[in-house]
Amino acid sequence: MQILIADDHSVVRRGLRAVLESHKNWRVCAEAANGIEAVEMAKRCKPDAAVMDITMSELNGVEATRRIRKISPQTEVLILSMHDSELLLRQGLDAGARGYMLKDDADKNLLAAVETISKRERYFSPKIAQAIHQGKIRLNENSEGDGKPWGRLTPREREIIQLLAEGKSNKETAAILNISTKTVETHRAHIMLKLDLHSVTDLVHYAIRNHLVKH
């Protein structure tokens, strides 16, 4: 099995690679330090599975998963997260991820998780699975269309809000996304209106609350 690893910490990537390649039939075909790199690597090596950090710079794991599933439908994605958040879980699944694992469980359960998603079966960390079983987390609700402000944003608007919250200027954001500065400004105005935000500070706080950027 060919596997892509995406995480913004090199030491984490090395650890994940060591665990994954301890399986004699598995090989890590590519590593990525951010979501944009992950999409490019998936396009090149068409991996069977991807282990994806949910909070990465420039393009987060949710949006990267969405793109990867479009360009490489055979790639099954396991989201890695520090947060047992219902919102993040549902966003990841809506984007096409097959599983959701808490980082604290990776050393013990990573091989089992990747094995499970490779069979096109769901995998959740024990804590997440228990919360689902107890009804504390509900998977039958779609986070993209539940009427909440986040659900009203387009994928492009979600990319832009992350880049702006990371401190990128309109011009820098335009260069990263290969669009015009005017287009970024238009999207930014729509984002502010949809989310009822009134300043860049409000936007940054919103992104932090929703785990779009690290703080």
Protein backbone atom coordinates (compact mmCIF):
# COMPACT_ATOMS: atom_id res chain seq x y z
CA MET A 1 0.00 0.00 0.00
CA GLN A 2 1.22 3.50 -0.93
CA ILE A 3 0.61 6.14 1.76
CA LEU A 4 0.84 9.93 1.88
CA ILE A 5 1.64 11.69 5.17
CA ALA A 6 0.67 15.33 5.69
CA ASP A 7 1.64 17.17 8.88
CA ASP A 8 3.34 20.50 9.46
CA HIS A 9 5.84 19.09 11.98
CA SER A 10 8.74 17.11 10.54
CA VAL A 11 9.23 15.14 13.77
CA VAL A 12 5.59 14.00 13.61
CA ARG A 13 5.99 12.97 9.98
CA ARG A 14 9.09 10.94 10.85
CA GLY A 15 7.22 9.21 13.66
CA LEU A 16 4.24 8.41 11.46
CA ARG A 17 6.52 7.11 8.70
CA ALA A 18 8.35 4.83 11.13
CA VAL A 19 5.09 3.32 12.38
CA LEU A 20 3.55 2.93 8.93
CA GLU A 21 6.63 1.41 7.32
CA SER A 22 6.93 -1.11 10.14
CA HIS A 23 4.24 -2.91 8.13
CA LYS A 24 6.21 -4.91 5.57
CA ASN A 25 3.81 -4.24 2.70
CA TRP A 26 3.37 -0.52 3.20
CA ARG A 27 5.47 2.37 1.87
CA VAL A 28 5.21 6.12 2.41
CA CYS A 29 5.30 7.51 -1.13
CA ALA A 30 5.26 11.19 -0.17
CA GLU A 31 5.29 13.65 2.71
CA ALA A 32 3.73 17.12 2.84
CA ALA A 33 4.15 19.98 5.30
CA ASN A 34 0.90 21.77 4.45
CA GLY A 35 -2.39 21.18 2.71
CA ILE A 36 -1.36 22.59 -0.65
CA GLU A 37 1.68 20.29 -0.75
CA ALA A 38 -0.54 17.36 0.24
CA VAL A 39 -2.82 17.95 -2.74
CA GLU A 40 0.17 18.20 -5.11
CA MET A 41 1.74 15.01 -3.73
CA ALA A 42 -1.55 13.14 -3.99
CA LYS A 43 -1.82 14.23 -7.62
CA ARG A 44 1.66 12.84 -8.31
CA CYS A 45 1.70 9.52 -6.47
CA LYS A 46 -2.04 8.68 -6.27
CA PRO A 47 -1.68 7.01 -2.85
CA ASP A 48 -3.98 4.30 -1.55
CA ALA A 49 -4.27 6.13 1.76
CA ALA A 50 -3.43 9.53 3.25
CA VAL A 51 -2.82 10.35 6.90
CA MET A 52 -3.80 14.00 7.18
CA ASP A 53 -3.28 16.50 9.99
CA ILE A 54 -6.41 18.61 10.24
CA THR A 55 -4.70 21.88 11.22
CA MET A 56 -2.04 22.86 8.69
CA SER A 57 -0.94 26.17 7.23
CA GLU A 58 -2.11 27.56 3.89
CA LEU A 59 -4.72 24.82 3.41
CA ASN A 60 -6.13 22.84 6.32
CA GLY A 61 -6.69 19.10 6.33
CA VAL A 62 -10.42 19.33 5.67
CA GLU A 63 -10.05 21.36 2.48
CA ALA A 64 -7.01 19.30 1.40
CA THR A 65 -9.08 16.13 1.86
CA ARG A 66 -11.86 17.59 -0.25
CA ARG A 67 -9.45 18.31 -3.10
CA ILE A 68 -7.61 14.99 -2.84
CA ARG A 69 -10.84 13.00 -3.00
CA LYS A 70 -11.68 14.81 -6.24
CA ILE A 71 -8.33 14.29 -7.98
CA SER A 72 -7.63 10.82 -6.54
CA PRO A 73 -10.93 9.15 -5.59
CA GLN A 74 -9.21 5.89 -4.68
CA THR A 75 -7.26 7.61 -1.88
CA GLU A 76 -8.83 6.91 1.51
CA VAL A 77 -8.11 9.65 4.07
CA LEU A 78 -7.53 9.33 7.80
CA ILE A 79 -7.80 12.68 9.59
CA LEU A 80 -5.44 13.26 12.52
CA SER A 81 -6.51 15.81 15.13
CA MET A 82 -5.79 16.95 18.65
CA HIS A 83 -9.46 17.86 19.07
CA ASP A 84 -12.43 15.57 19.80
CA SER A 85 -14.68 18.13 18.15
CA GLU A 86 -18.01 17.16 16.62
CA LEU A 87 -17.76 20.05 14.16
CA LEU A 88 -14.30 19.03 12.93
CA LEU A 89 -15.29 15.39 12.74
CA ARG A 90 -18.35 16.12 10.65
CA GLN A 91 -16.45 18.54 8.42
CA GLY A 92 -13.78 15.91 7.82
CA LEU A 93 -16.33 13.24 6.93
CA ASP A 94 -18.28 15.65 4.73
CA ALA A 95 -15.02 16.37 2.86
CA GLY A 96 -14.60 12.65 2.14
CA ALA A 97 -12.38 11.36 4.97
CA ARG A 98 -12.95 7.73 5.92
CA GLY A 99 -11.68 8.00 9.49
CA TYR A 100 -10.85 10.40 12.33
CA MET A 101 -8.08 9.66 14.81
CA LEU A 102 -6.94 11.64 17.84
CA LYS A 103 -3.18 12.19 17.79
CA ASP A 104 -2.84 10.72 21.27
CA ASP A 105 -3.93 7.36 19.83
CA ALA A 106 -1.61 7.32 16.82
CA ASP A 107 1.25 5.39 18.42
CA LYS A 108 -1.09 2.54 19.45
CA ASN A 109 -3.76 2.44 16.76
CA LEU A 110 -2.35 3.95 13.56
CA LEU A 111 -1.76 0.65 11.76
CA ALA A 112 -5.23 -0.61 12.62
CA ALA A 113 -6.77 2.68 11.53
CA VAL A 114 -5.07 2.71 8.12
CA GLU A 115 -5.88 -0.98 7.63
CA THR A 116 -9.54 -0.23 8.36
CA ILE A 117 -9.90 2.74 6.02
CA SER A 118 -8.05 0.86 3.27
CA LYS A 119 -10.99 -1.59 3.34
CA ARG A 120 -13.33 1.39 2.89
CA GLU A 121 -14.62 1.05 6.43
CA ARG A 122 -14.98 3.84 8.98
CA TYR A 123 -12.41 4.24 11.73
CA PHE A 124 -12.75 6.43 14.81
CA SER A 125 -10.52 6.75 17.85
CA PRO A 126 -12.00 4.87 20.84
CA LYS A 127 -12.99 8.14 22.56
CA ILE A 128 -14.76 9.35 19.42
CA ALA A 129 -16.42 5.97 18.81
CA GLN A 130 -17.73 5.95 22.40
CA ALA A 131 -19.15 9.46 22.03
CA ILE A 132 -20.91 8.40 18.80
CA HIS A 133 -22.29 5.27 20.49
CA GLN A 134 -23.59 7.33 23.41
CA GLY A 135 -25.22 9.85 21.08
CA LYS A 136 -22.96 12.71 22.18
CA ILE A 137 -21.74 13.06 18.60
CA ARG A 138 -24.23 12.74 15.75
CA LEU A 139 -22.98 11.84 12.31
CA ASN A 140 -26.31 11.97 10.51
CA GLU A 141 -26.22 15.77 10.30
CA ASN A 142 -24.38 17.44 7.46
CA SER A 143 -22.14 20.25 8.70
CA GLU A 144 -22.05 21.85 5.26
CA GLY A 145 -25.76 22.48 5.09
CA ASP A 146 -26.94 22.80 8.67
CA GLY A 147 -27.64 26.51 8.41
CA LYS A 148 -24.67 27.56 10.52
CA PRO A 149 -22.46 30.37 9.19
CA TRP A 150 -19.55 28.02 8.42
CA GLY A 151 -21.82 25.90 6.26
CA ARG A 152 -22.66 28.91 4.10
CA LEU A 153 -19.05 29.47 3.07
CA THR A 154 -17.81 28.07 -0.23
CA PRO A 155 -14.61 25.96 -0.30
CA ARG A 156 -12.76 28.94 -1.82
CA GLU A 157 -14.00 31.26 0.94
CA ARG A 158 -12.82 28.76 3.57
CA GLU A 159 -9.38 28.71 1.96
CA ILE A 160 -9.24 32.51 1.96
CA ILE A 161 -10.37 32.93 5.57
CA GLN A 162 -7.59 30.58 6.67
CA LEU A 163 -4.89 32.43 4.72
CA LEU A 164 -6.05 35.85 5.92
CA ALA A 165 -6.22 34.61 9.51
CA GLU A 166 -2.64 33.37 9.18
CA GLY A 167 -1.61 36.95 8.45
CA LYS A 168 -1.34 36.78 4.67
CA SER A 169 -2.15 39.97 2.78
CA ASN A 170 -4.71 40.06 -0.01
CA LYS A 171 -1.85 40.05 -2.52
CA GLU A 172 -0.10 37.09 -0.87
CA THR A 173 -3.38 35.18 -0.67
CA ALA A 174 -4.01 35.83 -4.36
CA ALA A 175 -0.55 34.53 -5.28
CA ILE A 176 -0.97 31.34 -3.24
CA LEU A 177 -4.39 30.59 -4.75
CA ASN A 178 -3.43 31.79 -8.24
CA ILE A 179 -6.30 34.27 -8.44
CA SER A 180 -6.42 38.07 -8.69
CA THR A 181 -6.17 40.39 -5.71
CA LYS A 182 -9.53 41.85 -6.68
CA THR A 183 -11.08 38.37 -6.47
CA VAL A 184 -9.63 37.93 -2.99
CA GLU A 185 -11.07 41.28 -1.93
CA THR A 186 -14.49 40.26 -3.26
CA HIS A 187 -14.38 36.94 -1.42
CA ARG A 188 -13.22 38.69 1.74
CA ALA A 189 -16.21 41.04 1.62
CA HIS A 190 -18.56 38.07 1.18
CA ILE A 191 -16.92 36.24 4.10
CA MET A 192 -17.32 39.24 6.40
CA LEU A 193 -20.97 39.56 5.42
CA LYS A 194 -21.80 35.85 5.80
CA LEU A 195 -20.07 35.51 9.17
CA ASP A 196 -21.11 38.95 10.46
CA LEU A 197 -17.49 39.94 11.04
CA HIS A 198 -16.36 43.55 11.10
CA SER A 199 -12.55 43.45 11.20
CA VAL A 200 -9.53 41.27 10.53
CA THR A 201 -9.28 40.73 14.28
CA ASP A 202 -12.80 39.28 14.28
CA LEU A 203 -11.81 37.04 11.39
CA VAL A 204 -8.71 35.77 13.22
CA HIS A 205 -10.72 35.05 16.37
CA TYR A 206 -13.30 33.16 14.30
CA ALA A 207 -10.59 31.06 12.64
CA ILE A 208 -9.01 30.20 16.00
CA ARG A 209 -12.34 29.22 17.56
CA ASN A 210 -13.02 26.88 14.64
CA HIS A 211 -9.48 25.38 14.70
CA LEU A 212 -8.69 26.68 11.21
CA VAL A 213 -5.36 28.04 12.42
CA LYS A 214 -3.10 27.22 15.34
CA HIS A 215 -2.61 29.71 18.14
